Amino acid sequence: IATSEVAPLAMPGLLWRVPAMLADPTGPLALRWRY
């Protein structure tokens, strides 16, 4: 019950971290490119 999570997922700087997340096979983000 994460009452501490007032910070939204979309924090400033998120966009610049996306390439590294996609390149990491164990990272938190995966994308089907056709989607």
PDB file of all heavy atoms in Angstrom:
ATOM      1  N   ILE A   1       0.886  -1.164   0.000  1.00  0.00           N
ATOM      2  CA  ILE A   1       0.000   0.000   0.000  1.00  0.00           C
ATOM      3  C   ILE A   1       0.922   1.211   0.000  1.00  0.00           C
ATOM      4  O   ILE A   1       1.319   1.730   1.037  1.00  0.00           O
ATOM      5  CB  ILE A   1      -0.943   0.009   1.214  1.00  0.00           C
ATOM      6  CG1 ILE A   1      -1.620  -1.351   1.366  1.00  0.00           C
ATOM      7  CG2 ILE A   1      -1.970   1.126   1.076  1.00  0.00           C
ATOM      8  CD1 ILE A   1      -2.449  -1.774   0.169  1.00  0.00           C
ATOM      9  N   ALA A   2       1.290   1.645  -1.197  1.00  0.00           N
ATOM     10  CA  ALA A   2       2.404   2.581  -1.382  1.00  0.00           C
ATOM     11  C   ALA A   2       1.962   4.023  -1.210  1.00  0.00           C
ATOM     12  O   ALA A   2       1.948   4.822  -2.156  1.00  0.00           O
ATOM     13  CB  ALA A   2       3.043   2.365  -2.756  1.00  0.00           C
ATOM     14  N   THR A   3       1.620   4.389   0.019  1.00  0.00           N
ATOM     15  CA  THR A   3       1.160   5.743   0.290  1.00  0.00           C
ATOM     16  C   THR A   3       2.264   6.783   0.116  1.00  0.00           C
ATOM     17  O   THR A   3       1.991   7.979   0.108  1.00  0.00           O
ATOM     18  CB  THR A   3       0.619   5.841   1.723  1.00  0.00           C
ATOM     19  OG1 THR A   3       1.619   5.378   2.643  1.00  0.00           O
ATOM     20  CG2 THR A   3      -0.614   4.976   1.887  1.00  0.00           C
ATOM     21  N   SER A   4       3.486   6.324  -0.045  1.00  0.00           N
ATOM     22  CA  SER A   4       4.620   7.243  -0.225  1.00  0.00           C
ATOM     23  C   SER A   4       4.799   7.700  -1.666  1.00  0.00           C
ATOM     24  O   SER A   4       5.545   8.656  -1.923  1.00  0.00           O
ATOM     25  CB  SER A   4       5.912   6.551   0.222  1.00  0.00           C
ATOM     26  OG  SER A   4       6.125   5.375  -0.553  1.00  0.00           O
ATOM     27  N   GLU A   5       4.114   7.052  -2.610  1.00  0.00           N
ATOM     28  CA  GLU A   5       4.413   7.269  -4.027  1.00  0.00           C
ATOM     29  C   GLU A   5       3.652   8.457  -4.612  1.00  0.00           C
ATOM     30  O   GLU A   5       2.845   8.313  -5.526  1.00  0.00           O
ATOM     31  CB  GLU A   5       4.111   6.004  -4.819  1.00  0.00           C
ATOM     32  CG  GLU A   5       4.934   4.806  -4.373  1.00  0.00           C
ATOM     33  CD  GLU A   5       6.434   5.085  -4.464  1.00  0.00           C
ATOM     34  OE1 GLU A   5       6.982   5.034  -5.566  1.00  0.00           O
ATOM     35  OE2 GLU A   5       7.042   5.360  -3.409  1.00  0.00           O
ATOM     36  N   VAL A   6       3.935   9.642  -4.085  1.00  0.00           N
ATOM     37  CA  VAL A   6       3.310  10.854  -4.622  1.00  0.00           C
ATOM     38  C   VAL A   6       3.940  11.281  -5.941  1.00  0.00           C
ATOM     39  O   VAL A   6       3.326  12.014  -6.725  1.00  0.00           O
ATOM     40  CB  VAL A   6       3.385  12.018  -3.614  1.00  0.00           C
ATOM     41  CG1 VAL A   6       2.581  11.707  -2.367  1.00  0.00           C
ATOM     42  CG2 VAL A   6       4.837  12.342  -3.246  1.00  0.00           C
ATOM     43  N   ALA A   7       5.174  10.865  -6.202  1.00  0.00           N
ATOM     44  CA  ALA A   7       5.839  11.221  -7.460  1.00  0.00           C
ATOM     45  C   ALA A   7       5.249  10.394  -8.589  1.00  0.00           C
ATOM     46  O   ALA A   7       5.172   9.173  -8.500  1.00  0.00           O
ATOM     47  CB  ALA A   7       7.346  10.975  -7.358  1.00  0.00           C
ATOM     48  N   PRO A   8       4.803  11.022  -9.670  1.00  0.00           N
ATOM     49  CA  PRO A   8       4.208  10.270 -10.781  1.00  0.00           C
ATOM     50  C   PRO A   8       5.253   9.494 -11.568  1.00  0.00           C
ATOM     51  O   PRO A   8       6.465   9.763 -11.476  1.00  0.00           O
ATOM     52  CB  PRO A   8       3.569  11.364 -11.645  1.00  0.00           C
ATOM     53  CG  PRO A   8       4.399  12.572 -11.384  1.00  0.00           C
ATOM     54  CD  PRO A   8       4.812  12.483  -9.937  1.00  0.00           C
ATOM     55  N   LEU A   9       4.784   8.529 -12.347  1.00  0.00           N
ATOM     56  CA  LEU A   9       5.679   7.778 -13.223  1.00  0.00           C
ATOM     57  C   LEU A   9       6.385   8.711 -14.202  1.00  0.00           C
ATOM     58  O   LEU A   9       7.578   8.556 -14.474  1.00  0.00           O
ATOM     59  CB  LEU A   9       4.876   6.726 -13.990  1.00  0.00           C
ATOM     60  CG  LEU A   9       5.625   5.952 -15.079  1.00  0.00           C
ATOM     61  CD1 LEU A   9       6.727   5.112 -14.452  1.00  0.00           C
ATOM     62  CD2 LEU A   9       4.659   5.059 -15.860  1.00  0.00           C
ATOM     63  N   ALA A  10       5.652   9.681 -14.701  1.00  0.00           N
ATOM     64  CA  ALA A  10       6.215  10.612 -15.696  1.00  0.00           C
ATOM     65  C   ALA A  10       6.938  11.748 -14.998  1.00  0.00           C
ATOM     66  O   ALA A  10       6.444  12.875 -14.888  1.00  0.00           O
ATOM     67  CB  ALA A  10       5.101  11.160 -16.578  1.00  0.00           C
ATOM     68  N   MET A  11       8.141  11.459 -14.507  1.00  0.00           N
ATOM     69  CA  MET A  11       8.974  12.491 -13.897  1.00  0.00           C
ATOM     70  C   MET A  11       9.827  13.168 -14.966  1.00  0.00           C
ATOM     71  O   MET A  11      10.113  12.572 -16.008  1.00  0.00           O
ATOM     72  CB  MET A  11       9.883  11.866 -12.836  1.00  0.00           C
ATOM     73  CG  MET A  11       9.161  11.462 -11.574  1.00  0.00           C
ATOM     74  SD  MET A  11       8.644  12.882 -10.581  1.00  0.00           S
ATOM     75  CE  MET A  11      10.233  13.403  -9.893  1.00  0.00           C
ATOM     76  N   PRO A  12      10.227  14.418 -14.726  1.00  0.00           N
ATOM     77  CA  PRO A  12      11.122  15.079 -15.679  1.00  0.00           C
ATOM     78  C   PRO A  12      12.384  14.251 -15.921  1.00  0.00           C
ATOM     79  O   PRO A  12      12.947  13.675 -14.992  1.00  0.00           O
ATOM     80  CB  PRO A  12      11.457  16.401 -14.974  1.00  0.00           C
ATOM     81  CG  PRO A  12      10.298  16.653 -14.070  1.00  0.00           C
ATOM     82  CD  PRO A  12       9.855  15.299 -13.608  1.00  0.00           C
ATOM     83  N   GLY A  13      12.801  14.161 -17.170  1.00  0.00           N
ATOM     84  CA  GLY A  13      13.988  13.377 -17.509  1.00  0.00           C
ATOM     85  C   GLY A  13      13.700  11.946 -17.879  1.00  0.00           C
ATOM     86  O   GLY A  13      14.610  11.210 -18.288  1.00  0.00           O
ATOM     87  N   LEU A  14      12.437  11.520 -17.748  1.00  0.00           N
ATOM     88  CA  LEU A  14      12.095  10.131 -18.055  1.00  0.00           C
ATOM     89  C   LEU A  14      12.437   9.777 -19.502  1.00  0.00           C
ATOM     90  O   LEU A  14      12.971   8.702 -19.781  1.00  0.00           O
ATOM     91  CB  LEU A  14      10.609   9.897 -17.799  1.00  0.00           C
ATOM     92  CG  LEU A  14      10.044   8.535 -18.215  1.00  0.00           C
ATOM     93  CD1 LEU A  14      10.646   7.425 -17.363  1.00  0.00           C
ATOM     94  CD2 LEU A  14       8.529   8.521 -18.111  1.00  0.00           C
ATOM     95  N   LEU A  15      12.155  10.686 -20.430  1.00  0.00           N
ATOM     96  CA  LEU A  15      12.354  10.405 -21.847  1.00  0.00           C
ATOM     97  C   LEU A  15      13.802  10.033 -22.147  1.00  0.00           C
ATOM     98  O   LEU A  15      14.068   9.126 -22.955  1.00  0.00           O
ATOM     99  CB  LEU A  15      11.944  11.616 -22.680  1.00  0.00           C
ATOM    100  CG  LEU A  15      12.106  11.489 -24.200  1.00  0.00           C
ATOM    101  CD1 LEU A  15      11.206  10.375 -24.724  1.00  0.00           C
ATOM    102  CD2 LEU A  15      11.774  12.805 -24.885  1.00  0.00           C
ATOM    103  N   TRP A  16      14.743  10.696 -21.489  1.00  0.00           N
ATOM    104  CA  TRP A  16      16.157  10.463 -21.784  1.00  0.00           C
ATOM    105  C   TRP A  16      16.647   9.130 -21.238  1.00  0.00           C
ATOM    106  O   TRP A  16      17.715   8.648 -21.634  1.00  0.00           O
ATOM    107  CB  TRP A  16      16.996  11.605 -21.226  1.00  0.00           C
ATOM    108  CG  TRP A  16      16.472  12.943 -21.659  1.00  0.00           C
ATOM    109  CD1 TRP A  16      15.915  13.912 -20.882  1.00  0.00           C
ATOM    110  CD2 TRP A  16      16.414  13.438 -23.010  1.00  0.00           C
ATOM    111  NE1 TRP A  16      15.511  14.976 -21.650  1.00  0.00           N
ATOM    112  CE2 TRP A  16      15.802  14.717 -22.955  1.00  0.00           C
ATOM    113  CE3 TRP A  16      16.802  12.922 -24.254  1.00  0.00           C
ATOM    114  CZ2 TRP A  16      15.582  15.477 -24.107  1.00  0.00           C
ATOM    115  CZ3 TRP A  16      16.575  13.682 -25.388  1.00  0.00           C
ATOM    116  CH2 TRP A  16      15.986  14.944 -25.306  1.00  0.00           C
ATOM    117  N   ARG A  17      15.887   8.518 -20.341  1.00  0.00           N
ATOM    118  CA  ARG A  17      16.278   7.221 -19.793  1.00  0.00           C
ATOM    119  C   ARG A  17      15.715   6.051 -20.597  1.00  0.00           C
ATOM    120  O   ARG A  17      16.122   4.907 -20.408  1.00  0.00           O
ATOM    121  CB  ARG A  17      15.799   7.105 -18.343  1.00  0.00           C
ATOM    122  CG  ARG A  17      16.469   8.102 -17.403  1.00  0.00           C
ATOM    123  CD  ARG A  17      15.895   7.987 -16.018  1.00  0.00           C
ATOM    124  NE  ARG A  17      16.418   9.046 -15.156  1.00  0.00           N
ATOM    125  CZ  ARG A  17      15.785   9.526 -14.101  1.00  0.00           C
ATOM    126  NH1 ARG A  17      14.600   9.035 -13.780  1.00  0.00           N
ATOM    127  NH2 ARG A  17      16.315  10.482 -13.371  1.00  0.00           N
ATOM    128  N   VAL A  18      14.760   6.332 -21.453  1.00  0.00           N
ATOM    129  CA  VAL A  18      14.086   5.267 -22.189  1.00  0.00           C
ATOM    130  C   VAL A  18      15.039   4.439 -23.045  1.00  0.00           C
ATOM    131  O   VAL A  18      14.973   3.200 -23.023  1.00  0.00           O
ATOM    132  CB  VAL A  18      12.936   5.830 -23.034  1.00  0.00           C
ATOM    133  CG1 VAL A  18      12.413   4.793 -24.021  1.00  0.00           C
ATOM    134  CG2 VAL A  18      11.809   6.300 -22.121  1.00  0.00           C
ATOM    135  N   PRO A  19      15.954   5.030 -23.846  1.00  0.00           N
ATOM    136  CA  PRO A  19      16.839   4.202 -24.672  1.00  0.00           C
ATOM    137  C   PRO A  19      17.645   3.189 -23.860  1.00  0.00           C
ATOM    138  O   PRO A  19      17.765   2.024 -24.268  1.00  0.00           O
ATOM    139  CB  PRO A  19      17.753   5.230 -25.348  1.00  0.00           C
ATOM    140  CG  PRO A  19      16.926   6.472 -25.415  1.00  0.00           C
ATOM    141  CD  PRO A  19      16.140   6.477 -24.134  1.00  0.00           C
ATOM    142  N   ALA A  20      18.169   3.614 -22.715  1.00  0.00           N
ATOM    143  CA  ALA A  20      18.942   2.688 -21.884  1.00  0.00           C
ATOM    144  C   ALA A  20      18.057   1.585 -21.320  1.00  0.00           C
ATOM    145  O   ALA A  20      18.473   0.419 -21.216  1.00  0.00           O
ATOM    146  CB  ALA A  20      19.618   3.456 -20.750  1.00  0.00           C
ATOM    147  N   MET A  21      16.810   1.918 -20.954  1.00  0.00           N
ATOM    148  CA  MET A  21      15.885   0.903 -20.454  1.00  0.00           C
ATOM    149  C   MET A  21      15.578  -0.141 -21.522  1.00  0.00           C
ATOM    150  O   MET A  21      15.538  -1.342 -21.258  1.00  0.00           O
ATOM    151  CB  MET A  21      14.579   1.564 -20.000  1.00  0.00           C
ATOM    152  CG  MET A  21      14.682   2.440 -18.783  1.00  0.00           C
ATOM    153  SD  MET A  21      13.052   3.138 -18.380  1.00  0.00           S
ATOM    154  CE  MET A  21      13.482   4.260 -17.042  1.00  0.00           C
ATOM    155  N   LEU A  22      15.369   0.331 -22.761  1.00  0.00           N
ATOM    156  CA  LEU A  22      15.049  -0.585 -23.852  1.00  0.00           C
ATOM    157  C   LEU A  22      16.232  -1.479 -24.210  1.00  0.00           C
ATOM    158  O   LEU A  22      16.060  -2.622 -24.629  1.00  0.00           O
ATOM    159  CB  LEU A  22      14.597   0.200 -25.085  1.00  0.00           C
ATOM    160  CG  LEU A  22      13.246   0.899 -24.984  1.00  0.00           C
ATOM    161  CD1 LEU A  22      13.012   1.775 -26.209  1.00  0.00           C
ATOM    162  CD2 LEU A  22      12.119  -0.111 -24.839  1.00  0.00           C
ATOM    163  N   ALA A  23      17.452  -0.948 -24.058  1.00  0.00           N
ATOM    164  CA  ALA A  23      18.651  -1.705 -24.405  1.00  0.00           C
ATOM    165  C   ALA A  23      19.012  -2.750 -23.356  1.00  0.00           C
ATOM    166  O   ALA A  23      19.755  -3.690 -23.646  1.00  0.00           O
ATOM    167  CB  ALA A  23      19.824  -0.758 -24.614  1.00  0.00           C
ATOM    168  N   ASP A  24      18.473  -2.597 -22.150  1.00  0.00           N
ATOM    169  CA  ASP A  24      18.801  -3.509 -21.056  1.00  0.00           C
ATOM    170  C   ASP A  24      17.793  -4.651 -21.027  1.00  0.00           C
ATOM    171  O   ASP A  24      16.604  -4.443 -20.743  1.00  0.00           O
ATOM    172  CB  ASP A  24      18.768  -2.745 -19.731  1.00  0.00           C
ATOM    173  CG  ASP A  24      19.189  -3.606 -18.548  1.00  0.00           C
ATOM    174  OD1 ASP A  24      19.422  -4.816 -18.744  1.00  0.00           O
ATOM    175  OD2 ASP A  24      19.279  -3.070 -17.429  1.00  0.00           O
ATOM    176  N   PRO A  25      18.221  -5.903 -21.299  1.00  0.00           N
ATOM    177  CA  PRO A  25      17.267  -7.025 -21.308  1.00  0.00           C
ATOM    178  C   PRO A  25      16.656  -7.309 -19.947  1.00  0.00           C
ATOM    179  O   PRO A  25      15.609  -7.956 -19.857  1.00  0.00           O
ATOM    180  CB  PRO A  25      18.114  -8.205 -21.795  1.00  0.00           C
ATOM    181  CG  PRO A  25      19.525  -7.825 -21.489  1.00  0.00           C
ATOM    182  CD  PRO A  25      19.594  -6.327 -21.624  1.00  0.00           C
ATOM    183  N   THR A  26      17.286  -6.834 -18.870  1.00  0.00           N
ATOM    184  CA  THR A  26      16.734  -7.022 -17.528  1.00  0.00           C
ATOM    185  C   THR A  26      16.093  -5.746 -17.006  1.00  0.00           C
ATOM    186  O   THR A  26      15.734  -5.672 -15.832  1.00  0.00           O
ATOM    187  CB  THR A  26      17.835  -7.479 -16.556  1.00  0.00           C
ATOM    188  OG1 THR A  26      18.823  -6.437 -16.420  1.00  0.00           O
ATOM    189  CG2 THR A  26      18.507  -8.750 -17.039  1.00  0.00           C
ATOM    190  N   GLY A  27      15.965  -4.737 -17.854  1.00  0.00           N
ATOM    191  CA  GLY A  27      15.424  -3.449 -17.433  1.00  0.00           C
ATOM    192  C   GLY A  27      13.917  -3.467 -17.250  1.00  0.00           C
ATOM    193  O   GLY A  27      13.246  -4.457 -17.539  1.00  0.00           O
ATOM    194  N   PRO A  28      13.354  -2.344 -16.794  1.00  0.00           N
ATOM    195  CA  PRO A  28      11.924  -2.299 -16.467  1.00  0.00           C
ATOM    196  C   PRO A  28      11.022  -2.021 -17.661  1.00  0.00           C
ATOM    197  O   PRO A  28       9.801  -1.976 -17.505  1.00  0.00           O
ATOM    198  CB  PRO A  28      11.848  -1.126 -15.476  1.00  0.00           C
ATOM    199  CG  PRO A  28      12.937  -0.199 -15.933  1.00  0.00           C
ATOM    200  CD  PRO A  28      14.053  -1.088 -16.430  1.00  0.00           C
ATOM    201  N   LEU A  29      11.599  -1.847 -18.849  1.00  0.00           N
ATOM    202  CA  LEU A  29      10.793  -1.452 -20.005  1.00  0.00           C
ATOM    203  C   LEU A  29      11.104  -2.340 -21.205  1.00  0.00           C
ATOM    204  O   LEU A  29      12.272  -2.587 -21.526  1.00  0.00           O
ATOM    205  CB  LEU A  29      11.078   0.013 -20.364  1.00  0.00           C
ATOM    206  CG  LEU A  29      10.259   0.613 -21.507  1.00  0.00           C
ATOM    207  CD1 LEU A  29       8.775   0.628 -21.155  1.00  0.00           C
ATOM    208  CD2 LEU A  29      10.752   2.030 -21.821  1.00  0.00           C
ATOM    209  N   ALA A  30      10.061  -2.821 -21.846  1.00  0.00           N
ATOM    210  CA  ALA A  30      10.192  -3.594 -23.085  1.00  0.00           C
ATOM    211  C   ALA A  30       9.132  -3.101 -24.053  1.00  0.00           C
ATOM    212  O   ALA A  30       8.058  -2.650 -23.645  1.00  0.00           O
ATOM    213  CB  ALA A  30      10.027  -5.092 -22.827  1.00  0.00           C
ATOM    214  N   LEU A  31       9.433  -3.170 -25.349  1.00  0.00           N
ATOM    215  CA  LEU A  31       8.512  -2.634 -26.347  1.00  0.00           C
ATOM    216  C   LEU A  31       8.523  -3.515 -27.588  1.00  0.00           C
ATOM    217  O   LEU A  31       9.587  -3.833 -28.123  1.00  0.00           O
ATOM    218  CB  LEU A  31       8.918  -1.199 -26.719  1.00  0.00           C
ATOM    219  CG  LEU A  31       8.092  -0.515 -27.800  1.00  0.00           C
ATOM    220  CD1 LEU A  31       6.653  -0.315 -27.330  1.00  0.00           C
ATOM    221  CD2 LEU A  31       8.718   0.834 -28.171  1.00  0.00           C
ATOM    222  N   ARG A  32       7.330  -3.921 -28.019  1.00  0.00           N
ATOM    223  CA  ARG A  32       7.202  -4.585 -29.316  1.00  0.00           C
ATOM    224  C   ARG A  32       7.161  -3.490 -30.377  1.00  0.00           C
ATOM    225  O   ARG A  32       6.203  -2.713 -30.429  1.00  0.00           O
ATOM    226  CB  ARG A  32       5.929  -5.435 -29.365  1.00  0.00           C
ATOM    227  CG  ARG A  32       5.945  -6.621 -28.424  1.00  0.00           C
ATOM    228  CD  ARG A  32       4.704  -7.490 -28.664  1.00  0.00           C
ATOM    229  NE  ARG A  32       4.708  -8.659 -27.800  1.00  0.00           N
ATOM    230  CZ  ARG A  32       4.102  -8.729 -26.622  1.00  0.00           C
ATOM    231  NH1 ARG A  32       3.451  -7.675 -26.169  1.00  0.00           N
ATOM    232  NH2 ARG A  32       4.143  -9.840 -25.908  1.00  0.00           N
ATOM    233  N   TRP A  33       8.178  -3.413 -31.213  1.00  0.00           N
ATOM    234  CA  TRP A  33       8.322  -2.275 -32.114  1.00  0.00           C
ATOM    235  C   TRP A  33       7.160  -2.149 -33.084  1.00  0.00           C
ATOM    236  O   TRP A  33       6.788  -1.031 -33.474  1.00  0.00           O
ATOM    237  CB  TRP A  33       9.655  -2.360 -32.859  1.00  0.00           C
ATOM    238  CG  TRP A  33      10.816  -2.175 -31.937  1.00  0.00           C
ATOM    239  CD1 TRP A  33      11.659  -3.130 -31.472  1.00  0.00           C
ATOM    240  CD2 TRP A  33      11.216  -0.956 -31.302  1.00  0.00           C
ATOM    241  NE1 TRP A  33      12.581  -2.594 -30.592  1.00  0.00           N
ATOM    242  CE2 TRP A  33      12.336  -1.265 -30.481  1.00  0.00           C
ATOM    243  CE3 TRP A  33      10.738   0.357 -31.349  1.00  0.00           C
ATOM    244  CZ2 TRP A  33      12.972  -0.290 -29.714  1.00  0.00           C
ATOM    245  CZ3 TRP A  33      11.379   1.325 -30.585  1.00  0.00           C
ATOM    246  CH2 TRP A  33      12.490   0.992 -29.780  1.00  0.00           C
ATOM    247  N   ARG A  34       6.549  -3.257 -33.469  1.00  0.00           N
ATOM    248  CA  ARG A  34       5.394  -3.164 -34.378  1.00  0.00           C
ATOM    249  C   ARG A  34       4.190  -2.516 -33.689  1.00  0.00           C
ATOM    250  O   ARG A  34       3.237  -2.091 -34.352  1.00  0.00           O
ATOM    251  CB  ARG A  34       5.029  -4.542 -34.910  1.00  0.00           C
ATOM    252  CG  ARG A  34       4.555  -5.540 -33.875  1.00  0.00           C
ATOM    253  CD  ARG A  34       4.191  -6.877 -34.530  1.00  0.00           C
ATOM    254  NE  ARG A  34       3.744  -7.870 -33.565  1.00  0.00           N
ATOM    255  CZ  ARG A  34       4.541  -8.649 -32.863  1.00  0.00           C
ATOM    256  NH1 ARG A  34       5.857  -8.558 -33.021  1.00  0.00           N
ATOM    257  NH2 ARG A  34       4.042  -9.527 -32.005  1.00  0.00           N
ATOM    258  N   TYR A  35       4.238  -2.456 -32.372  1.00  0.00           N
ATOM    259  CA  TYR A  35       3.153  -1.837 -31.615  1.00  0.00           C
ATOM    260  C   TYR A  35       3.367  -0.339 -31.426  1.00  0.00           C
ATOM    261  O   TYR A  35       2.476   0.374 -30.970  1.00  0.00           O
ATOM    262  CB  TYR A  35       3.032  -2.523 -30.252  1.00  0.00           C
ATOM    263  CG  TYR A  35       1.781  -2.202 -29.485  1.00  0.00           C
ATOM    264  CD1 TYR A  35       0.534  -2.658 -29.923  1.00  0.00           C
ATOM    265  CD2 TYR A  35       1.820  -1.451 -28.319  1.00  0.00           C
ATOM    266  CE1 TYR A  35      -0.631  -2.370 -29.219  1.00  0.00           C
ATOM    267  CE2 TYR A  35       0.665  -1.153 -27.599  1.00  0.00           C
ATOM    268  CZ  TYR A  35      -0.559  -1.625 -28.067  1.00  0.00           C
ATOM    269  OH  TYR A  35      -1.703  -1.334 -27.358  1.00  0.00           O
TER     270      TYR A  35
END
